[in-house]
Amino acid sequence: MRSRDITDLLVLAAVWGGSFLFMRIGVPEFGPAALIALRVGLAALALLPLLFWQHKMRVLLRHWKAIFVVGTFNATLPFILYAYAAQQLGAGFLSIANAVTPMWGAAIGWIWLGDRLPASRVAGMALGLAGIVVLVWDKFNFGADGSGLAVLAALLAPVCYGISANCAKRYLFGVDPLTNATGSMLASALTLLPFAIWTWPAQPVSFHAWSATLLLALACTGFAYVLFFRLIANVGPIGAISVTFLVPIFGVFWGAFFLNEIVTSNMLAGAAVVLAGTALALGLVRLPVLR
């Protein structure tokens, strides 16, 4: 990688790691539906001018049905699930749970699309799941004051991302990433608008929560997508997806630094196992005996 690509990778990881921090700040006052509707709506407004500038609006309209489905699994469902989970779980925990996203993409492609996976990548999936068990071991409680439902939401969000990636591969092959991203944000915004209106907070929202929401939408969604596309163009998909391994570092750091979140031994152990399993599942590393 060139120095510019490394800078882009670090900036993207820092920004995406910050998305969990901003959700933690914004969701107590906005609630999940209103917060995510603002996130995707403002991101769509930021990306639409780029789409018009590159004369790709016709592509979006031609593939709107498939883009709507992909947008549901790429934005609407996972964003809502993470926002719901952020009401009880820390930014560091959520960023580590998100690290299994590439693993679910590989697993669903293997099951649904028949993608061939060597034994080392299958072993990586099993290892990644073991890491998730370690991560949630002390939080998977469905009692009255437990965080079991929040943990379940955080674990289901990466599955949605895996489904969306394979839907895009099957039904949107050849459609450029900017069109996919803009269409996903737009479809998600239209879907969530009625729920946002219905659940809009009755009390005035603080400047602190508004600032976090604007950063979540414009920096962590609109700007981050553009940066991610540039990385794909410069270093390829595998190089770009390596940002997955840096996001938890920033997510844990931002949560501990700004929100005084406690970094537990389960989080550190779970993160280590999850990242090792994800590296195997992506084929970035291979076990010689399983080649």
Protein backbone atom coordinates (compact mmCIF):
# COMPACT_ATOMS: atom_id res chain seq x y z
CA MET A 1 0.00 0.00 0.00
CA ARG A 2 1.06 3.57 -0.63
CA SER A 3 1.28 5.96 2.31
CA ARG A 4 -1.94 7.64 1.12
CA ASP A 5 -3.79 4.30 1.14
CA ILE A 6 -2.56 3.54 4.65
CA THR A 7 -3.76 6.97 5.78
CA ASP A 8 -7.16 6.34 4.18
CA LEU A 9 -7.37 2.96 5.92
CA LEU A 10 -6.58 4.44 9.34
CA VAL A 11 -8.98 7.35 8.88
CA LEU A 12 -11.77 5.01 7.77
CA ALA A 13 -11.19 2.70 10.74
CA ALA A 14 -11.23 5.68 13.13
CA VAL A 15 -14.44 7.04 11.59
CA TRP A 16 -16.26 3.70 11.53
CA GLY A 17 -15.08 2.97 15.07
CA GLY A 18 -16.57 6.33 16.05
CA SER A 19 -19.98 5.38 14.65
CA PHE A 20 -20.65 3.20 17.70
CA LEU A 21 -19.64 6.05 19.99
CA PHE A 22 -22.02 8.47 18.26
CA MET A 23 -24.87 5.96 18.42
CA ARG A 24 -24.29 5.60 22.14
CA ILE A 25 -24.54 9.38 22.53
CA GLY A 26 -27.52 9.96 20.23
CA VAL A 27 -29.82 7.01 20.88
CA PRO A 28 -30.87 7.84 24.48
CA GLU A 29 -32.49 11.09 23.30
CA PHE A 30 -33.63 10.22 19.77
CA GLY A 31 -34.47 6.55 20.13
CA PRO A 32 -33.38 3.94 17.53
CA ALA A 33 -35.84 4.72 14.70
CA ALA A 34 -35.44 8.51 14.68
CA LEU A 35 -31.65 8.31 15.07
CA ILE A 36 -31.19 5.88 12.20
CA ALA A 37 -33.68 7.69 9.96
CA LEU A 38 -31.58 10.82 10.39
CA ARG A 39 -28.38 8.86 9.81
CA VAL A 40 -29.46 7.35 6.50
CA GLY A 41 -31.48 10.37 5.37
CA LEU A 42 -28.63 12.84 5.81
CA ALA A 43 -26.17 10.36 4.29
CA ALA A 44 -28.44 9.99 1.25
CA LEU A 45 -28.57 13.78 0.87
CA ALA A 46 -24.76 13.86 1.01
CA LEU A 47 -24.33 11.07 -1.58
CA LEU A 48 -27.06 12.06 -4.05
CA PRO A 49 -25.10 15.02 -5.52
CA LEU A 50 -22.19 12.65 -6.24
CA LEU A 51 -24.58 10.27 -7.96
CA PHE A 52 -26.01 13.04 -10.16
CA TRP A 53 -22.54 14.39 -10.87
CA GLN A 54 -21.44 10.97 -12.15
CA HIS A 55 -24.69 10.58 -14.18
CA LYS A 56 -25.70 7.35 -12.45
CA MET A 57 -29.29 8.13 -11.49
CA ARG A 58 -30.57 6.01 -14.36
CA VAL A 59 -28.63 3.03 -13.04
CA LEU A 60 -30.27 3.44 -9.64
CA LEU A 61 -33.77 3.63 -11.16
CA ARG A 62 -33.11 0.61 -13.39
CA HIS A 63 -32.16 -1.57 -10.41
CA TRP A 64 -34.34 0.00 -7.71
CA LYS A 65 -36.05 -3.22 -6.60
CA ALA A 66 -32.81 -5.09 -5.95
CA ILE A 67 -31.24 -1.99 -4.39
CA PHE A 68 -34.23 -1.69 -2.04
CA VAL A 69 -33.72 -5.28 -0.85
CA VAL A 70 -29.98 -4.78 -0.44
CA GLY A 71 -30.61 -1.49 1.38
CA THR A 72 -32.92 -3.25 3.83
CA PHE A 73 -30.17 -5.69 4.83
CA ASN A 74 -27.26 -3.25 4.36
CA ALA A 75 -28.65 -0.29 6.29
CA THR A 76 -32.19 -0.43 7.68
CA LEU A 77 -32.00 -3.64 9.71
CA PRO A 78 -28.36 -3.60 10.92
CA PHE A 79 -28.41 0.11 11.79
CA ILE A 80 -31.62 -0.30 13.79
CA LEU A 81 -30.27 -3.40 15.51
CA TYR A 82 -27.05 -1.63 16.49
CA ALA A 83 -28.96 1.45 17.69
CA TYR A 84 -31.21 -0.75 19.82
CA ALA A 85 -28.18 -2.57 21.24
CA ALA A 86 -26.39 0.74 21.91
CA GLN A 87 -29.01 1.56 24.54
CA GLN A 88 -27.40 -1.05 26.81
CA LEU A 89 -24.04 -2.09 25.32
CA GLY A 90 -20.83 -0.11 25.00
CA ALA A 91 -19.22 1.18 21.82
CA GLY A 92 -16.24 -1.13 22.29
CA PHE A 93 -18.41 -4.23 22.59
CA LEU A 94 -20.44 -3.28 19.49
CA SER A 95 -17.33 -2.62 17.39
CA ILE A 96 -15.93 -6.05 18.27
CA ALA A 97 -19.24 -7.77 17.46
CA ASN A 98 -19.22 -5.97 14.10
CA ALA A 99 -15.81 -7.48 13.25
CA VAL A 100 -17.41 -10.81 12.29
CA THR A 101 -19.21 -9.20 9.32
CA PRO A 102 -16.79 -10.56 6.65
CA MET A 103 -17.06 -13.99 8.22
CA TRP A 104 -20.85 -14.00 7.83
CA GLY A 105 -20.46 -12.79 4.24
CA ALA A 106 -18.24 -15.76 3.48
CA ALA A 107 -20.49 -18.22 5.36
CA ILE A 108 -23.70 -17.08 3.65
CA GLY A 109 -21.99 -17.09 0.24
CA TRP A 110 -20.88 -20.65 0.94
CA ILE A 111 -24.37 -21.82 1.99
CA TRP A 112 -26.51 -19.79 -0.44
CA LEU A 113 -24.39 -19.21 -3.54
CA GLY A 114 -22.22 -22.32 -3.33
CA ASP A 115 -18.95 -20.39 -3.05
CA ARG A 116 -16.06 -22.78 -2.56
CA LEU A 117 -14.18 -22.39 0.70
CA PRO A 118 -10.95 -24.18 1.65
CA ALA A 119 -10.80 -25.95 4.97
CA SER A 120 -8.80 -23.16 6.59
CA ARG A 121 -11.58 -20.64 5.90
CA VAL A 122 -14.21 -23.00 7.36
CA ALA A 123 -12.00 -23.36 10.42
CA GLY A 124 -11.86 -19.56 10.59
CA MET A 125 -15.66 -19.36 10.72
CA ALA A 126 -15.75 -21.84 13.59
CA LEU A 127 -13.04 -19.89 15.40
CA GLY A 128 -14.89 -16.61 14.85
CA LEU A 129 -18.06 -18.07 16.35
CA ALA A 130 -16.03 -19.29 19.33
CA GLY A 131 -14.77 -15.73 19.76
CA ILE A 132 -18.33 -14.43 19.82
CA VAL A 133 -19.18 -16.92 22.57
CA VAL A 134 -16.24 -15.61 24.62
CA LEU A 135 -17.30 -12.02 23.94
CA VAL A 136 -20.92 -12.41 25.08
CA TRP A 137 -20.32 -14.96 27.84
CA ASP A 138 -20.88 -12.50 30.70
CA LYS A 139 -23.67 -10.48 29.00
CA PHE A 140 -26.08 -13.04 27.56
CA ASN A 141 -28.69 -12.65 30.30
CA PHE A 142 -32.41 -12.45 29.49
CA GLY A 143 -33.50 -11.56 33.02
CA ALA A 144 -35.44 -8.41 33.90
CA ASP A 145 -32.30 -6.27 34.03
CA GLY A 146 -30.26 -8.37 31.60
CA SER A 147 -28.80 -7.30 28.27
CA GLY A 148 -29.63 -10.51 26.40
CA LEU A 149 -31.88 -8.88 23.80
CA ALA A 150 -29.34 -6.12 23.16
CA VAL A 151 -26.59 -8.74 22.71
CA LEU A 152 -28.81 -10.71 20.33
CA ALA A 153 -29.44 -7.55 18.28
CA ALA A 154 -25.70 -6.83 18.10
CA LEU A 155 -25.05 -10.39 16.89
CA LEU A 156 -27.80 -10.31 14.25
CA ALA A 157 -26.61 -7.05 12.64
CA PRO A 158 -23.47 -8.60 11.05
CA VAL A 159 -25.65 -11.42 9.67
CA CYS A 160 -27.70 -8.77 7.85
CA TYR A 161 -24.51 -7.33 6.36
CA GLY A 162 -23.53 -10.81 5.18
CA ILE A 163 -26.92 -11.27 3.49
CA SER A 164 -26.72 -7.85 1.81
CA ALA A 165 -23.23 -8.53 0.44
CA ASN A 166 -24.38 -11.75 -1.19
CA CYS A 167 -27.62 -10.21 -2.47
CA ALA A 168 -25.57 -7.48 -4.13
CA LYS A 169 -23.24 -10.10 -5.58
CA ARG A 170 -26.13 -12.07 -7.06
CA TYR A 171 -28.59 -9.36 -8.12
CA LEU A 172 -26.49 -6.21 -8.52
CA PHE A 173 -23.41 -7.57 -10.26
CA GLY A 174 -21.82 -4.80 -12.31
CA VAL A 175 -23.62 -1.98 -10.48
CA ASP A 176 -21.05 0.46 -9.10
CA PRO A 177 -20.59 0.85 -5.31
CA LEU A 178 -21.68 4.52 -5.25
CA THR A 179 -25.06 3.65 -6.79
CA ASN A 180 -25.48 0.76 -4.35
CA ALA A 181 -24.58 2.93 -1.36
CA THR A 182 -26.74 5.90 -2.34
CA GLY A 183 -29.68 3.67 -3.21
CA SER A 184 -29.32 1.77 0.06
CA MET A 185 -29.33 4.97 2.10
CA LEU A 186 -32.26 6.41 0.16
CA ALA A 187 -34.35 3.23 0.42
CA SER A 188 -33.60 2.96 4.11
CA ALA A 189 -34.53 6.59 4.74
CA LEU A 190 -37.89 6.19 3.00
CA THR A 191 -38.60 2.98 4.91
CA LEU A 192 -37.77 4.46 8.30
CA LEU A 193 -39.45 7.86 7.80
CA PRO A 194 -42.91 6.81 9.15
CA PHE A 195 -41.34 5.13 12.20
CA ALA A 196 -39.16 8.17 12.85
CA ILE A 197 -42.19 10.48 12.76
CA TRP A 198 -44.15 8.12 15.03
CA THR A 199 -41.36 7.82 17.62
CA TRP A 200 -39.92 11.35 17.36
CA PRO A 201 -38.89 12.50 20.86
CA ALA A 202 -41.42 14.68 22.64
CA GLN A 203 -38.73 16.56 24.55
CA PRO A 204 -36.20 18.89 22.87
CA VAL A 205 -33.01 17.07 21.83
CA SER A 206 -29.76 18.45 23.21
CA PHE A 207 -27.04 20.00 21.07
CA HIS A 208 -24.75 17.16 22.20
CA ALA A 209 -27.07 14.51 20.74
CA TRP A 210 -27.64 16.50 17.53
CA SER A 211 -23.89 16.90 17.03
CA ALA A 212 -23.32 13.16 17.48
CA THR A 213 -26.12 12.38 15.01
CA LEU A 214 -24.76 14.75 12.37
CA LEU A 215 -21.29 13.23 12.70
CA LEU A 216 -22.81 9.75 12.53
CA ALA A 217 -24.62 10.59 9.29
CA LEU A 218 -22.14 12.79 7.45
CA ALA A 219 -18.77 11.45 8.64
CA CYS A 220 -19.44 7.82 9.58
CA THR A 221 -21.82 7.11 6.69
CA GLY A 222 -21.56 9.56 3.77
CA PHE A 223 -17.85 10.42 3.97
CA ALA A 224 -16.89 6.88 5.05
CA TYR A 225 -18.57 5.30 2.02
CA VAL A 226 -16.67 7.58 -0.36
CA LEU A 227 -13.40 6.76 1.39
CA PHE A 228 -14.18 3.05 1.28
CA PHE A 229 -14.87 3.22 -2.48
CA ARG A 230 -11.53 4.95 -3.00
CA LEU A 231 -9.76 2.21 -1.07
CA ILE A 232 -11.45 -0.49 -3.15
CA ALA A 233 -10.31 1.27 -6.32
CA ASN A 234 -6.74 1.70 -5.07
CA VAL A 235 -5.96 -1.49 -3.15
CA GLY A 236 -8.78 -3.88 -4.10
CA PRO A 237 -11.61 -5.43 -2.04
CA ILE A 238 -9.39 -7.60 0.19
CA GLY A 239 -7.13 -4.70 1.06
CA ALA A 240 -10.11 -2.47 1.76
CA ILE A 241 -11.88 -5.04 3.94
CA SER A 242 -8.80 -5.20 6.17
CA VAL A 243 -10.28 -2.10 7.83
CA THR A 244 -12.40 -4.64 9.74
CA PHE A 245 -9.38 -5.47 11.89
CA LEU A 246 -8.75 -1.86 12.86
CA VAL A 247 -12.32 -0.74 13.63
CA PRO A 248 -12.52 -2.58 17.01
CA ILE A 249 -9.28 -0.95 18.15
CA PHE A 250 -10.72 2.51 17.57
CA GLY A 251 -14.20 1.52 18.80
CA VAL A 252 -12.81 0.27 22.12
CA PHE A 253 -10.53 3.31 22.45
CA TRP A 254 -13.25 5.89 21.70
CA GLY A 255 -15.64 4.22 24.13
CA ALA A 256 -13.06 4.07 26.93
CA PHE A 257 -11.71 7.59 26.31
CA PHE A 258 -14.95 9.54 25.80
CA LEU A 259 -17.52 7.46 27.71
CA ASN A 260 -15.29 5.86 30.36
CA GLU A 261 -16.35 2.39 29.26
CA ILE A 262 -14.63 -0.49 31.02
CA VAL A 263 -12.61 -2.84 28.81
CA THR A 264 -13.15 -6.31 30.24
CA SER A 265 -10.98 -9.40 29.84
CA ASN A 266 -13.86 -11.08 27.97
CA MET A 267 -13.84 -8.24 25.43
CA LEU A 268 -10.11 -8.49 24.85
CA ALA A 269 -10.10 -12.29 24.62
CA GLY A 270 -13.20 -12.32 22.41
CA ALA A 271 -11.72 -9.66 20.12
CA ALA A 272 -8.50 -11.63 19.69
CA VAL A 273 -10.34 -14.86 18.79
CA VAL A 274 -12.88 -13.08 16.53
CA LEU A 275 -10.18 -11.27 14.56
CA ALA A 276 -8.11 -14.43 14.18
CA GLY A 277 -11.15 -16.33 12.94
CA THR A 278 -12.14 -13.52 10.56
CA ALA A 279 -8.62 -13.44 9.09
CA LEU A 280 -8.87 -17.18 8.40
CA ALA A 281 -12.42 -16.91 7.04
CA LEU A 282 -11.33 -14.16 4.63
CA GLY A 283 -8.37 -16.21 3.44
CA LEU A 284 -5.93 -13.50 4.56
CA VAL A 285 -4.00 -16.19 6.46
CA ARG A 286 -4.04 -19.95 6.05
CA LEU A 287 -3.26 -22.86 8.33
CA PRO A 288 -0.67 -24.99 6.48
CA VAL A 289 -2.20 -28.27 7.68
CA LEU A 290 -5.64 -27.24 6.33
CA ARG A 291 -4.63 -25.97 2.90
